[in-house]
Structures are given as structure tokens and as C-alpha cells.
């Protein structure tokens, strides 16, 4: 039975969905996403002393790798809509010994609780495509607000570009029929970032299981 459009896409529904799947997320989605997430982190190229924000940190794999990259003089912040994901990520951070440089919170990324120009860089993996089309502009405005001038943003997202394979058609049908469960929709991440006033540094298309994935690095203008 299809999921009703009346029952989807609110912050509470998204939170409930990720709370429900948190225990087995790594065993399913994490395995497929890990290599693409790592490719995004290579593109992000976090360096010692930087202050970096990850939006939608999930079970915390990327947040730990970023913490390793920024070193003892850096800081890593993260925000996620799921309190269960927060618990898992905090446990992972503590187990790796990087907890003192990782500050995580559960909250609504449409209203980022950080001051203007707070971060050298921002990272998100399979997060931007969860937002509704009418929310993306406001969300990216928040991202742009908290990034420092000439700071960078790296996005890994399911892509509407690339080959429109049979698997992609099946996935798009599944997203329309079961948007609570299959909540990521293919998007044009580079164009959305351009529309928000970011400048593209590098963009390329990869794939897994016949689904196109876009990895984009952009910069906030030095003078806005």
C-alpha cells in the first residue's frame, strides 16, 4: 500500500523514520554509501585547525574522519534530526578518542543554531535530497549564512543527472510510492548550489547499484 502524501516529509516524520532505522542503518545503507561518502570527504579535504560542520551526520562515520583530519586544534560540529542517530554518533566519537573536538546536536537544519560565518567548511552526505523542493532554498541560505566568506561546501547526493537507468526508474517509482521509507529523491545538486549563490569548484558523477550520485564542492563568495 502506498504511503499517503498527508503523512510525509515533516520534521517529526523524518526524525521518526531515522530513529526507526538507526540500529540497522549501517548494515544496509551504510555499506552502499561508504565509498561515496569517503570520496566526498577526499573532495572536502579537511585540514588541521579547521572548524567544520556536518549536516545529517547519521551514525557518525564521517564526523569521526573529519575530526581526525582537523586534528587537536580543530573542531567538528554536527546536527541531525534523529536523536537515536545522535546517540550512536556520540558513542562512536567517544570510542575513537575524538569526543573532545566533536560537538553534536539534534535539531532542525532549516534553522541552524550557529552564528554567521562560523565554519571553514560544511559537509553533507545523502542529506540535501531529503528536503522538500520548497525547503531547499531556505536550507541552503542557512548553510551559506554559517559558512565563512570563501569557505567551502561539499555535497554528496543522489543525482538527477547521469544515465537514466532501469534501476533509477525503479527507485523513482519507489520514492513516489513510499516517500517515508525511500526518502531521498534524485536532485541536481550543483544547480541548487549555484542557485543559492555558491561557486562550483568541482563536480562529478559516480554511481552505485545503477543509481547516479553527484559529488559537488562549491565555495561561498569572498564578498557577499
Protein backbone atom coordinates (compact mmCIF):
# COMPACT_ATOMS: atom_id res chain seq x y z
CA UNK A 1 0.00 0.00 0.00
CA UNK A 2 1.34 3.43 -0.93
CA UNK A 3 2.15 5.91 1.81
CA UNK A 4 -0.21 8.88 1.93
CA UNK A 5 1.23 12.30 0.99
CA UNK A 6 -0.59 13.70 4.04
CA UNK A 7 1.66 11.61 6.27
CA UNK A 8 5.09 12.55 4.96
CA UNK A 9 8.01 14.92 4.98
CA UNK A 10 7.51 16.84 8.22
CA UNK A 11 10.47 17.14 10.60
CA UNK A 12 8.77 14.77 13.05
CA UNK A 13 8.16 12.13 10.37
CA UNK A 14 11.76 12.32 9.18
CA UNK A 15 13.00 12.05 12.76
CA UNK A 16 10.76 9.05 13.48
CA UNK A 17 11.90 7.34 10.29
CA UNK A 18 15.61 7.68 11.08
CA UNK A 19 15.07 6.73 14.71
CA UNK A 20 13.40 3.55 13.50
CA UNK A 21 16.17 2.54 11.09
CA UNK A 22 19.12 3.76 13.16
CA UNK A 23 20.13 0.34 14.56
CA UNK A 24 20.47 -1.31 11.16
CA UNK A 25 21.29 1.72 9.02
CA UNK A 26 24.98 0.87 8.72
CA UNK A 27 24.24 -2.74 7.75
CA UNK A 28 22.11 -1.66 4.80
CA UNK A 29 22.55 1.90 3.55
CA UNK A 30 25.92 2.45 5.20
CA UNK A 31 27.58 -0.30 3.19
CA UNK A 32 26.39 1.15 -0.11
CA UNK A 33 27.11 4.73 0.81
CA UNK A 34 30.51 4.37 2.48
CA UNK A 35 32.71 4.61 -0.62
CA UNK A 36 30.79 7.60 -1.95
CA UNK A 37 30.92 9.27 1.44
CA UNK A 38 34.70 8.72 1.52
CA UNK A 39 35.00 10.23 -1.97
CA UNK A 40 33.15 13.29 -0.69
CA UNK A 41 35.49 13.57 2.28
CA UNK A 42 38.51 13.41 -0.03
CA UNK A 43 36.96 16.27 -2.02
CA UNK A 44 36.25 18.22 1.19
CA UNK A 45 39.96 17.91 2.10
CA UNK A 46 39.61 18.97 5.74
CA UNK A 47 42.89 20.25 7.19
CA UNK A 48 44.40 20.85 10.63
CA UNK A 49 42.85 23.65 12.63
CA UNK A 50 39.65 23.99 10.62
CA UNK A 51 36.18 24.26 12.10
CA UNK A 52 33.75 22.15 10.07
CA UNK A 53 30.03 21.40 10.25
CA UNK A 54 28.38 18.20 9.05
CA UNK A 55 24.63 18.27 8.50
CA UNK A 56 22.91 14.89 8.75
CA UNK A 57 25.80 13.04 10.39
CA UNK A 58 23.85 9.79 10.81
CA UNK A 59 25.77 7.16 12.76
CA UNK A 60 28.90 9.31 12.83
CA UNK A 61 31.39 7.74 10.40
CA UNK A 62 32.14 10.98 8.55
CA UNK A 63 32.19 13.10 11.68
CA UNK A 64 34.98 10.94 13.10
CA UNK A 65 37.02 11.08 9.88
CA UNK A 66 36.67 14.86 9.77
CA UNK A 67 37.76 15.09 13.41
CA UNK A 68 40.88 13.09 12.58
CA UNK A 69 41.63 15.44 9.69
CA UNK A 70 41.24 18.72 11.61
CA UNK A 71 43.43 17.48 14.47
CA UNK A 72 43.62 18.68 18.05
CA UNK A 73 43.49 22.34 17.03
CA UNK A 74 40.28 21.90 15.01
CA UNK A 75 36.62 21.47 15.87
CA UNK A 76 33.82 19.49 14.24
CA UNK A 77 30.15 20.29 14.75
CA UNK A 78 27.24 18.18 13.63
CA UNK A 79 23.46 18.43 13.53
CA UNK A 80 20.99 15.63 12.79
CA UNK A 81 17.23 15.37 13.04
CA UNK A 82 17.34 11.94 14.78
CA UNK A 83 18.11 11.63 18.50
CA UNK A 84 18.88 7.92 18.06
CA UNK A 85 21.46 8.75 15.39
CA UNK A 86 22.86 11.33 17.80
CA UNK A 87 23.35 8.66 20.47
CA UNK A 88 25.12 6.31 18.03
CA UNK A 89 27.37 9.07 16.69
CA UNK A 90 28.29 10.27 20.19
CA UNK A 91 29.21 6.71 21.19
CA UNK A 92 31.36 6.32 18.07
CA UNK A 93 33.10 9.65 18.72
CA UNK A 94 33.84 8.71 22.33
CA UNK A 95 35.14 5.26 21.33
CA UNK A 96 37.62 6.76 18.87
CA UNK A 97 39.01 9.26 21.36
CA UNK A 98 37.93 12.32 19.38
CA UNK A 99 34.97 13.28 21.54
CA UNK A 100 36.69 16.40 22.90
CA UNK A 101 36.75 18.04 19.46
CA UNK A 102 33.28 16.88 18.28
CA UNK A 103 30.14 18.84 19.25
CA UNK A 104 26.91 17.16 18.12
CA UNK A 105 23.29 18.18 18.47
CA UNK A 106 19.82 17.05 17.48
CA UNK A 107 17.81 19.71 15.71
CA UNK A 108 16.21 21.26 12.67
CA UNK A 109 18.72 22.16 9.94
CA UNK A 110 16.26 24.65 8.48
CA UNK A 111 17.15 26.85 11.47
CA UNK A 112 20.84 26.21 12.06
CA UNK A 113 21.76 27.13 15.67
CA UNK A 114 25.13 28.67 14.76
CA UNK A 115 26.39 32.22 14.33
CA UNK A 116 27.06 33.77 10.93
CA UNK A 117 30.43 32.91 9.34
CA UNK A 118 31.18 30.18 11.91
CA UNK A 119 32.68 27.44 9.72
CA UNK A 120 35.54 26.99 7.32
CA UNK A 121 33.61 24.24 5.55
CA UNK A 122 30.35 22.32 5.56
CA UNK A 123 29.79 18.68 4.57
CA UNK A 124 26.65 16.68 3.90
CA UNK A 125 26.15 13.20 2.50
CA UNK A 126 22.74 11.97 1.29
CA UNK A 127 21.06 14.81 3.17
CA UNK A 128 20.16 17.61 0.74
CA UNK A 129 17.83 15.34 -1.23
CA UNK A 130 15.75 14.61 1.89
CA UNK A 131 14.43 18.17 1.96
CA UNK A 132 11.30 19.06 0.06
CA UNK A 133 11.82 21.21 -3.04
CA UNK A 134 10.21 24.23 -1.35
CA UNK A 135 12.58 23.86 1.64
CA UNK A 136 15.87 23.67 -0.27
CA UNK A 137 16.28 27.41 -0.89
CA UNK A 138 15.80 28.27 2.79
CA UNK A 139 18.08 25.42 3.86
CA UNK A 140 20.93 26.42 1.55
CA UNK A 141 20.51 30.03 2.68
CA UNK A 142 21.16 28.80 6.22
CA UNK A 143 24.21 26.87 5.02
CA UNK A 144 25.57 29.93 3.25
CA UNK A 145 24.96 32.08 6.33
CA UNK A 146 27.08 29.93 8.66
CA UNK A 147 30.00 29.38 6.23
CA UNK A 148 32.78 31.94 6.30
CA UNK A 149 33.48 34.06 3.20
CA UNK A 150 35.38 31.94 0.67
CA UNK A 151 34.54 28.87 2.76
CA UNK A 152 33.51 25.68 1.01
CA UNK A 153 30.61 23.26 0.98
CA UNK A 154 30.82 19.66 -0.20
CA UNK A 155 27.63 17.75 -1.04
CA UNK A 156 27.19 14.06 -1.85
CA UNK A 157 23.70 13.47 -3.21
CA UNK A 158 21.61 11.20 -5.37
CA UNK A 159 21.70 12.81 -8.78
CA UNK A 160 19.09 13.52 -11.43
CA UNK A 161 21.99 13.79 -13.87
CA UNK A 162 23.73 10.85 -15.47
CA UNK A 163 22.23 7.84 -17.21
CA UNK A 164 18.53 7.24 -16.56
CA UNK A 165 18.88 3.50 -15.95
CA UNK A 166 16.17 0.96 -15.24
CA UNK A 167 17.33 0.95 -11.62
CA UNK A 168 16.88 4.71 -11.46
CA UNK A 169 13.34 4.42 -12.83
CA UNK A 170 12.53 1.74 -10.23
CA UNK A 171 13.98 3.92 -7.47
CA UNK A 172 12.00 6.99 -8.56
CA UNK A 173 8.80 4.93 -8.54
CA UNK A 174 9.62 3.63 -5.06
CA UNK A 175 10.25 7.17 -3.82
CA UNK A 176 6.88 8.35 -5.13
CA UNK A 177 5.05 5.34 -3.66
CA UNK A 178 6.88 5.12 -0.32
CA UNK A 179 8.37 8.57 0.43
CA UNK A 180 8.65 7.85 4.16
CA UNK A 181 10.81 4.77 3.62
CA UNK A 182 12.59 5.78 0.38
CA UNK A 183 13.01 9.41 1.37
CA UNK A 184 15.90 10.57 -0.84
CA UNK A 185 14.93 11.87 -4.26
CA UNK A 186 17.38 12.43 -7.17
CA UNK A 187 18.33 16.12 -7.45
CA UNK A 188 20.62 18.42 -9.42
CA UNK A 189 22.89 19.36 -6.51
CA UNK A 190 25.27 21.56 -8.48
CA UNK A 191 22.45 23.68 -9.89
CA UNK A 192 20.81 24.04 -6.49
CA UNK A 193 24.11 25.30 -5.05
CA UNK A 194 24.56 27.69 -7.97
CA UNK A 195 21.02 29.00 -7.42
CA UNK A 196 21.92 29.64 -3.78
CA UNK A 197 24.91 31.76 -4.79
CA UNK A 198 27.74 29.27 -4.36
CA UNK A 199 30.53 28.92 -6.93
CA UNK A 200 31.32 25.43 -8.24
CA UNK A 201 34.89 24.23 -7.69
CA UNK A 202 34.50 20.62 -8.75
CA UNK A 203 31.62 18.34 -9.68
CA UNK A 204 31.48 14.77 -10.90
CA UNK A 205 29.02 11.90 -11.20
CA UNK A 206 29.56 8.46 -9.69
CA UNK A 207 27.13 5.60 -9.12
CA UNK A 208 26.16 2.59 -7.06
CA UNK A 209 23.70 -0.17 -7.99
CA UNK A 210 22.80 1.75 -11.16
CA UNK A 211 21.89 4.93 -9.26
CA UNK A 212 23.68 8.18 -10.11
CA UNK A 213 25.40 10.07 -7.30
CA UNK A 214 26.73 13.62 -7.58
CA UNK A 215 29.69 14.93 -5.57
CA UNK A 216 29.98 18.71 -5.66
CA UNK A 217 32.41 21.08 -3.99
CA UNK A 218 31.45 24.75 -4.06
CA UNK A 219 32.59 27.97 -2.38
CA UNK A 220 30.81 30.86 -0.78
CA UNK A 221 31.87 34.14 -2.46
CA UNK A 222 34.60 36.00 -0.60
CA UNK A 223 32.49 39.17 -0.77
CA UNK A 224 28.72 38.99 -0.39
